[in-house]
């Protein structure tokens, strides 16, 4: 193989540096996308949990109100 001139070595080094920079940017972008996707997934899960909790709370409150209404309406005055 023929020897490279100083200018050729310099050009090859610049090209290699540019390639490394491009590859690093791609990795950074994919890491950012992965992180954003994970965050979105956690937010969705938290929202679903909040919805479930709210539904269960509402049902429990309704059951308590129904039980209290039943308790109050089913009492009969005692005869003397």
PDB file of N, CA and C in Angstrom:
ATOM      1  N   UNK A   1       0.836  -1.179   0.000  1.00  0.00           N
ATOM      2  CA  UNK A   1       0.000   0.000   0.000  1.00  0.00           C
ATOM      3  C   UNK A   1       0.882   1.245   0.000  1.00  0.00           C
ATOM      4  N   UNK A   2       0.477   2.231  -0.767  1.00  0.00           N
ATOM      5  CA  UNK A   2       1.257   3.461  -0.887  1.00  0.00           C
ATOM      6  C   UNK A   2       1.152   4.275   0.391  1.00  0.00           C
ATOM      7  N   UNK A   3       2.208   4.996   0.680  1.00  0.00           N
ATOM      8  CA  UNK A   3       2.201   5.840   1.872  1.00  0.00           C
ATOM      9  C   UNK A   3       1.253   7.019   1.659  1.00  0.00           C
ATOM     10  N   UNK A   4       0.604   7.412   2.758  1.00  0.00           N
ATOM     11  CA  UNK A   4      -0.286   8.575   2.686  1.00  0.00           C
ATOM     12  C   UNK A   4       0.509   9.843   2.936  1.00  0.00           C
ATOM     13  N   UNK A   5       0.063  10.863   2.282  1.00  0.00           N
ATOM     14  CA  UNK A   5       0.677  12.162   2.549  1.00  0.00           C
ATOM     15  C   UNK A   5       0.057  12.715   3.821  1.00  0.00           C
ATOM     16  N   UNK A   6       0.672  13.745   4.347  1.00  0.00           N
ATOM     17  CA  UNK A   6       0.149  14.382   5.553  1.00  0.00           C
ATOM     18  C   UNK A   6      -1.266  14.917   5.317  1.00  0.00           C
ATOM     19  N   UNK A   7      -1.512  15.467   4.156  1.00  0.00           N
ATOM     20  CA  UNK A   7      -2.836  16.015   3.820  1.00  0.00           C
ATOM     21  C   UNK A   7      -3.877  14.900   3.768  1.00  0.00           C
ATOM     22  N   UNK A   8      -3.497  13.741   3.235  1.00  0.00           N
ATOM     23  CA  UNK A   8      -4.435  12.610   3.161  1.00  0.00           C
ATOM     24  C   UNK A   8      -4.764  12.081   4.552  1.00  0.00           C
ATOM     25  N   UNK A   9      -3.728  11.980   5.402  1.00  0.00           N
ATOM     26  CA  UNK A   9      -3.968  11.526   6.785  1.00  0.00           C
ATOM     27  C   UNK A   9      -4.889  12.500   7.503  1.00  0.00           C
ATOM     28  N   UNK A  10      -4.662  13.770   7.300  1.00  0.00           N
ATOM     29  CA  UNK A  10      -5.486  14.804   7.942  1.00  0.00           C
ATOM     30  C   UNK A  10      -6.931  14.719   7.460  1.00  0.00           C
ATOM     31  N   UNK A  11      -7.120  14.509   6.171  1.00  0.00           N
ATOM     32  CA  UNK A  11      -8.473  14.402   5.617  1.00  0.00           C
ATOM     33  C   UNK A  11      -9.176  13.155   6.147  1.00  0.00           C
ATOM     34  N   UNK A  12      -8.436  12.051   6.240  1.00  0.00           N
ATOM     35  CA  UNK A  12      -9.022  10.816   6.766  1.00  0.00           C
ATOM     36  C   UNK A  12      -9.405  10.978   8.232  1.00  0.00           C
ATOM     37  N   UNK A  13      -8.568  11.677   8.992  1.00  0.00           N
ATOM     38  CA  UNK A  13      -8.857  11.915  10.414  1.00  0.00           C
ATOM     39  C   UNK A  13     -10.108  12.768  10.575  1.00  0.00           C
ATOM     40  N   UNK A  14     -10.251  13.800   9.743  1.00  0.00           N
ATOM     41  CA  UNK A  14     -11.448  14.657   9.806  1.00  0.00           C
ATOM     42  C   UNK A  14     -12.706  13.870   9.460  1.00  0.00           C
ATOM     43  N   UNK A  15     -12.586  13.020   8.445  1.00  0.00           N
ATOM     44  CA  UNK A  15     -13.730  12.203   8.030  1.00  0.00           C
ATOM     45  C   UNK A  15     -14.130  11.242   9.155  1.00  0.00           C
ATOM     46  N   UNK A  16     -13.135  10.620   9.777  1.00  0.00           N
ATOM     47  CA  UNK A  16     -13.409   9.688  10.875  1.00  0.00           C
ATOM     48  C   UNK A  16     -14.051  10.417  12.062  1.00  0.00           C
ATOM     49  N   UNK A  17     -13.545  11.617  12.353  1.00  0.00           N
ATOM     50  CA  UNK A  17     -14.115  12.395  13.461  1.00  0.00           C
ATOM     51  C   UNK A  17     -15.564  12.762  13.177  1.00  0.00           C
ATOM     52  N   UNK A  18     -15.851  13.128  11.928  1.00  0.00           N
ATOM     53  CA  UNK A  18     -17.226  13.479  11.556  1.00  0.00           C
ATOM     54  C   UNK A  18     -18.139  12.264  11.679  1.00  0.00           C
ATOM     55  N   UNK A  19     -17.636  11.095  11.291  1.00  0.00           N
ATOM     56  CA  UNK A  19     -18.426   9.858  11.404  1.00  0.00           C
ATOM     57  C   UNK A  19     -18.723   9.545  12.872  1.00  0.00           C
ATOM     58  N   UNK A  20     -17.683   9.676  13.722  1.00  0.00           N
ATOM     59  CA  UNK A  20     -17.898   9.418  15.158  1.00  0.00           C
ATOM     60  C   UNK A  20     -18.926  10.385  15.735  1.00  0.00           C
ATOM     61  N   UNK A  21     -18.854  11.639  15.320  1.00  0.00           N
ATOM     62  CA  UNK A  21     -19.798  12.650  15.807  1.00  0.00           C
ATOM     63  C   UNK A  21     -21.232  12.313  15.384  1.00  0.00           C
ATOM     64  N   UNK A  22     -21.396  11.913  14.112  1.00  0.00           N
ATOM     65  CA  UNK A  22     -22.722  11.523  13.613  1.00  0.00           C
ATOM     66  C   UNK A  22     -23.268  10.326  14.381  1.00  0.00           C
ATOM     67  N   UNK A  23     -22.423   9.327  14.589  1.00  0.00           N
ATOM     68  CA  UNK A  23     -22.865   8.126  15.305  1.00  0.00           C
ATOM     69  C   UNK A  23     -23.243   8.438  16.743  1.00  0.00           C
ATOM     70  N   UNK A  24     -22.482   9.318  17.390  1.00  0.00           N
ATOM     71  CA  UNK A  24     -22.803   9.709  18.764  1.00  0.00           C
ATOM     72  C   UNK A  24     -24.142  10.437  18.815  1.00  0.00           C
ATOM     73  N   UNK A  25     -24.399  11.278  17.821  1.00  0.00           N
ATOM     74  CA  UNK A  25     -25.673  12.006  17.782  1.00  0.00           C
ATOM     75  C   UNK A  25     -26.839  11.034  17.601  1.00  0.00           C
ATOM     76  N   UNK A  26     -26.660  10.017  16.766  1.00  0.00           N
ATOM     77  CA  UNK A  26     -27.713   9.016  16.567  1.00  0.00           C
ATOM     78  C   UNK A  26     -27.999   8.263  17.861  1.00  0.00           C
ATOM     79  N   UNK A  27     -26.915   7.888  18.568  1.00  0.00           N
ATOM     80  CA  UNK A  27     -27.098   7.177  19.842  1.00  0.00           C
ATOM     81  C   UNK A  27     -27.836   8.057  20.837  1.00  0.00           C
ATOM     82  N   UNK A  28     -27.445   9.323  20.900  1.00  0.00           N
ATOM     83  CA  UNK A  28     -28.073  10.258  21.821  1.00  0.00           C
ATOM     84  C   UNK A  28     -29.565  10.408  21.506  1.00  0.00           C
ATOM     85  N   UNK A  29     -29.882  10.506  20.233  1.00  0.00           N
ATOM     86  CA  UNK A  29     -31.279  10.657  19.815  1.00  0.00           C
ATOM     87  C   UNK A  29     -32.096   9.425  20.188  1.00  0.00           C
ATOM     88  N   UNK A  30     -31.530   8.249  19.951  1.00  0.00           N
ATOM     89  CA  UNK A  30     -32.281   7.025  20.263  1.00  0.00           C
ATOM     90  C   UNK A  30     -32.458   6.872  21.771  1.00  0.00           C
ATOM     91  N   UNK A  31     -31.428   7.272  22.550  1.00  0.00           N
ATOM     92  CA  UNK A  31     -31.558   7.232  24.009  1.00  0.00           C
ATOM     93  C   UNK A  31     -32.658   8.172  24.478  1.00  0.00           C
ATOM     94  N   UNK A  32     -32.708   9.345  23.873  1.00  0.00           N
ATOM     95  CA  UNK A  32     -33.732  10.325  24.240  1.00  0.00           C
ATOM     96  C   UNK A  32     -35.129   9.798  23.913  1.00  0.00           C
ATOM     97  N   UNK A  33     -35.276   9.197  22.727  1.00  0.00           N
ATOM     98  CA  UNK A  33     -36.579   8.639  22.336  1.00  0.00           C
ATOM     99  C   UNK A  33     -36.998   7.530  23.294  1.00  0.00           C
ATOM    100  N   UNK A  34     -36.039   6.662  23.639  1.00  0.00           N
ATOM    101  CA  UNK A  34     -36.343   5.554  24.545  1.00  0.00           C
ATOM    102  C   UNK A  34     -36.780   6.084  25.913  1.00  0.00           C
ATOM    103  N   UNK A  35     -36.086   7.095  26.395  1.00  0.00           N
ATOM    104  CA  UNK A  35     -36.418   7.699  27.677  1.00  0.00           C
ATOM    105  C   UNK A  35     -37.806   8.337  27.644  1.00  0.00           C
ATOM    106  N   UNK A  36     -38.097   9.050  26.565  1.00  0.00           N
ATOM    107  CA  UNK A  36     -39.412   9.704  26.433  1.00  0.00           C
ATOM    108  C   UNK A  36     -40.520   8.665  26.373  1.00  0.00           C
ATOM    109  N   UNK A  37     -40.262   7.574  25.659  1.00  0.00           N
ATOM    110  CA  UNK A  37     -41.267   6.517  25.548  1.00  0.00           C
ATOM    111  C   UNK A  37     -41.540   5.884  26.915  1.00  0.00           C
ATOM    112  N   UNK A  38     -40.473   5.658  27.687  1.00  0.00           N
ATOM    113  CA  UNK A  38     -40.638   5.094  29.029  1.00  0.00           C
ATOM    114  C   UNK A  38     -41.409   6.026  29.936  1.00  0.00           C
ATOM    115  N   UNK A  39     -41.097   7.318  29.849  1.00  0.00           N
ATOM    116  CA  UNK A  39     -41.801   8.303  30.664  1.00  0.00           C
ATOM    117  C   UNK A  39     -43.285   8.342  30.300  1.00  0.00           C
ATOM    118  N   UNK A  40     -43.570   8.340  29.012  1.00  0.00           N
ATOM    119  CA  UNK A  40     -44.966   8.354  28.561  1.00  0.00           C
ATOM    120  C   UNK A  40     -45.702   7.121  29.065  1.00  0.00           C
ATOM    121  N   UNK A  41     -45.025   5.990  29.056  1.00  0.00           N
ATOM    122  CA  UNK A  41     -45.641   4.751  29.527  1.00  0.00           C
ATOM    123  C   UNK A  41     -45.961   4.843  31.020  1.00  0.00           C
ATOM    124  N   UNK A  42     -45.019   5.403  31.789  1.00  0.00           N
ATOM    125  CA  UNK A  42     -45.257   5.535  33.237  1.00  0.00           C
ATOM    126  C   UNK A  42     -46.396   6.508  33.517  1.00  0.00           C
ATOM    127  N   UNK A  43     -46.472   7.590  32.752  1.00  0.00           N
ATOM    128  CA  UNK A  43     -47.565   8.561  32.934  1.00  0.00           C
ATOM    129  C   UNK A  43     -48.903   7.910  32.620  1.00  0.00           C
ATOM    130  N   UNK A  44     -48.940   7.133  31.548  1.00  0.00           N
ATOM    131  CA  UNK A  44     -50.172   6.430  31.177  1.00  0.00           C
ATOM    132  C   UNK A  44     -50.588   5.467  32.284  1.00  0.00           C
ATOM    133  N   UNK A  45     -49.618   4.741  32.830  1.00  0.00           N
ATOM    134  CA  UNK A  45     -49.917   3.812  33.921  1.00  0.00           C
ATOM    135  C   UNK A  45     -50.443   4.524  35.150  1.00  0.00           C
ATOM    136  N   UNK A  46     -49.840   5.668  35.471  1.00  0.00           N
ATOM    137  CA  UNK A  46     -50.290   6.436  36.637  1.00  0.00           C
ATOM    138  C   UNK A  46     -51.705   6.953  36.428  1.00  0.00           C
ATOM    139  N   UNK A  47     -52.006   7.400  35.220  1.00  0.00           N
ATOM    140  CA  UNK A  47     -53.359   7.896  34.925  1.00  0.00           C
ATOM    141  C   UNK A  47     -54.373   6.770  35.043  1.00  0.00           C
ATOM    142  N   UNK A  48     -54.003   5.593  34.570  1.00  0.00           N
ATOM    143  CA  UNK A  48     -54.903   4.447  34.657  1.00  0.00           C
ATOM    144  C   UNK A  48     -55.146   4.078  36.124  1.00  0.00           C
ATOM    145  N   UNK A  49     -54.077   4.108  36.931  1.00  0.00           N
ATOM    146  CA  UNK A  49     -54.224   3.811  38.354  1.00  0.00           C
ATOM    147  C   UNK A  49     -55.137   4.828  39.039  1.00  0.00           C
ATOM    148  N   UNK A  50     -54.972   6.089  38.685  1.00  0.00           N
ATOM    149  CA  UNK A  50     -55.809   7.137  39.276  1.00  0.00           C
ATOM    150  C   UNK A  50     -57.271   6.929  38.905  1.00  0.00           C
ATOM    151  N   UNK A  51     -57.507   6.569  37.633  1.00  0.00           N
ATOM    152  CA  UNK A  51     -58.886   6.303  37.194  1.00  0.00           C
ATOM    153  C   UNK A  51     -59.484   5.142  37.971  1.00  0.00           C
ATOM    154  N   UNK A  52     -58.712   4.070  38.112  1.00  0.00           N
ATOM    155  CA  UNK A  52     -59.190   2.882  38.823  1.00  0.00           C
ATOM    156  C   UNK A  52     -59.503   3.229  40.274  1.00  0.00           C
ATOM    157  N   UNK A  53     -58.602   3.979  40.912  1.00  0.00           N
ATOM    158  CA  UNK A  53     -58.809   4.375  42.309  1.00  0.00           C
ATOM    159  C   UNK A  53     -60.064   5.223  42.454  1.00  0.00           C
ATOM    160  N   UNK A  54     -60.243   6.158  41.548  1.00  0.00           N
ATOM    161  CA  UNK A  54     -61.422   7.033  41.605  1.00  0.00           C
ATOM    162  C   UNK A  54     -62.705   6.217  41.439  1.00  0.00           C
ATOM    163  N   UNK A  55     -62.677   5.264  40.528  1.00  0.00           N
ATOM    164  CA  UNK A  55     -63.857   4.419  40.302  1.00  0.00           C
ATOM    165  C   UNK A  55     -64.183   3.605  41.546  1.00  0.00           C
ATOM    166  N   UNK A  56     -63.150   3.001  42.123  1.00  0.00           N
ATOM    167  CA  UNK A  56     -63.370   2.184  43.327  1.00  0.00           C
ATOM    168  C   UNK A  56     -63.866   3.029  44.488  1.00  0.00           C
ATOM    169  N   UNK A  57     -63.313   4.239  44.613  1.00  0.00           N
ATOM    170  CA  UNK A  57     -63.735   5.143  45.687  1.00  0.00           C
ATOM    171  C   UNK A  57     -65.202   5.526  45.516  1.00  0.00           C
ATOM    172  N   UNK A  58     -65.592   5.825  44.302  1.00  0.00           N
ATOM    173  CA  UNK A  58     -66.979   6.207  44.033  1.00  0.00           C
ATOM    174  C   UNK A  58     -67.923   5.041  44.326  1.00  0.00           C
ATOM    175  N   UNK A  59     -67.532   3.848  43.911  1.00  0.00           N
ATOM    176  CA  UNK A  59     -68.382   2.677  44.185  1.00  0.00           C
ATOM    177  C   UNK A  59     -68.515   2.434  45.681  1.00  0.00           C
ATOM    178  N   UNK A  60     -67.388   2.556  46.405  1.00  0.00           N
ATOM    179  CA  UNK A  60     -67.421   2.339  47.851  1.00  0.00           C
ATOM    180  C   UNK A  60     -68.303   3.377  48.536  1.00  0.00           C
ATOM    181  N   UNK A  61     -68.206   4.631  48.107  1.00  0.00           N
ATOM    182  CA  UNK A  61     -69.035   5.688  48.691  1.00  0.00           C
ATOM    183  C   UNK A  61     -70.511   5.408  48.412  1.00  0.00           C
ATOM    184  N   UNK A  62     -70.808   4.965  47.210  1.00  0.00           N
ATOM    185  CA  UNK A  62     -72.189   4.627  46.876  1.00  0.00           C
ATOM    186  C   UNK A  62     -72.713   3.483  47.731  1.00  0.00           C
ATOM    187  N   UNK A  63     -71.885   2.480  47.943  1.00  0.00           N
ATOM    188  CA  UNK A  63     -72.307   1.346  48.783  1.00  0.00           C
ATOM    189  C   UNK A  63     -72.547   1.790  50.218  1.00  0.00           C
ATOM    190  N   UNK A  64     -71.641   2.674  50.732  1.00  0.00           N
ATOM    191  CA  UNK A  64     -71.832   3.159  52.104  1.00  0.00           C
ATOM    192  C   UNK A  64     -73.114   3.965  52.222  1.00  0.00           C
ATOM    193  N   UNK A  65     -73.379   4.806  51.239  1.00  0.00           N
ATOM    194  CA  UNK A  65     -74.596   5.620  51.273  1.00  0.00           C
ATOM    195  C   UNK A  65     -75.831   4.727  51.209  1.00  0.00           C
ATOM    196  N   UNK A  66     -75.782   3.717  50.360  1.00  0.00           N
ATOM    197  CA  UNK A  66     -76.912   2.789  50.242  1.00  0.00           C
ATOM    198  C   UNK A  66     -77.127   2.024  51.546  1.00  0.00           C
ATOM    199  N   UNK A  67     -76.020   1.591  52.157  1.00  0.00           N
ATOM    200  CA  UNK A  67     -76.135   0.857  53.425  1.00  0.00           C
ATOM    201  C   UNK A  67     -76.718   1.750  54.514  1.00  0.00           C
ATOM    202  N   UNK A  68     -76.279   3.001  54.560  1.00  0.00           N
ATOM    203  CA  UNK A  68     -76.792   3.933  55.569  1.00  0.00           C
ATOM    204  C   UNK A  68     -78.274   4.212  55.336  1.00  0.00           C
ATOM    205  N   UNK A  69     -78.662   4.395  54.072  1.00  0.00           N
ATOM    206  CA  UNK A  69     -80.077   4.617  53.760  1.00  0.00           C
ATOM    207  C   UNK A  69     -80.899   3.413  54.181  1.00  0.00           C
ATOM    208  N   UNK A  70     -80.399   2.229  53.883  1.00  0.00           N
ATOM    209  CA  UNK A  70     -81.110   1.007  54.261  1.00  0.00           C
ATOM    210  C   UNK A  70     -81.232   0.905  55.778  1.00  0.00           C
ATOM    211  N   UNK A  71     -80.136   1.240  56.468  1.00  0.00           N
ATOM    212  CA  UNK A  71     -80.145   1.170  57.937  1.00  0.00           C
ATOM    213  C   UNK A  71     -81.168   2.137  58.515  1.00  0.00           C
ATOM    214  N   UNK A  72     -81.226   3.333  57.963  1.00  0.00           N
ATOM    215  CA  UNK A  72     -82.136   4.341  58.513  1.00  0.00           C
ATOM    216  C   UNK A  72     -83.600   4.040  58.179  1.00  0.00           C
ATOM    217  N   UNK A  73     -83.853   3.512  56.999  1.00  0.00           N
ATOM    218  CA  UNK A  73     -85.240   3.266  56.613  1.00  0.00           C
ATOM    219  C   UNK A  73     -85.777   1.961  57.173  1.00  0.00           C
ATOM    220  N   UNK A  74     -84.901   1.058  57.550  1.00  0.00           N
ATOM    221  CA  UNK A  74     -85.391  -0.235  58.039  1.00  0.00           C
ATOM    222  C   UNK A  74     -85.662  -0.226  59.539  1.00  0.00           C
ATOM    223  N   UNK A  75     -85.284   0.838  60.242  1.00  0.00           N
ATOM    224  CA  UNK A  75     -85.540   0.894  61.685  1.00  0.00           C
ATOM    225  C   UNK A  75     -87.011   1.154  61.927  1.00  0.00           C
ATOM    226  N   UNK A  76     -87.574   0.369  62.793  1.00  0.00           N
ATOM    227  CA  UNK A  76     -88.966   0.568  63.171  1.00  0.00           C
ATOM    228  C   UNK A  76     -89.002   1.001  64.630  1.00  0.00           C
ATOM    229  N   UNK A  77     -89.909   1.862  64.963  1.00  0.00           N
ATOM    230  CA  UNK A  77     -90.007   2.252  66.374  1.00  0.00           C
ATOM    231  C   UNK A  77     -90.440   1.047  67.221  1.00  0.00           C
ATOM    232  N   UNK A  78     -89.863   0.938  68.410  1.00  0.00           N
ATOM    233  CA  UNK A  78     -90.197  -0.175  69.282  1.00  0.00           C
ATOM    234  C   UNK A  78     -91.567   0.073  69.923  1.00  0.00           C
ATOM    235  N   UNK A  79     -92.359  -0.981  70.053  1.00  0.00           N
ATOM    236  CA  UNK A  79     -93.665  -0.856  70.698  1.00  0.00           C
ATOM    237  C   UNK A  79     -93.510  -0.956  72.197  1.00  0.00           C
ATOM    238  N   UNK A  80     -94.344  -0.241  72.900  1.00  0.00           N
ATOM    239  CA  UNK A  80     -94.287  -0.300  74.350  1.00  0.00           C
ATOM    240  C   UNK A  80     -95.482  -1.000  74.895  1.00  0.00           C
TER     241      UNK A  80
END
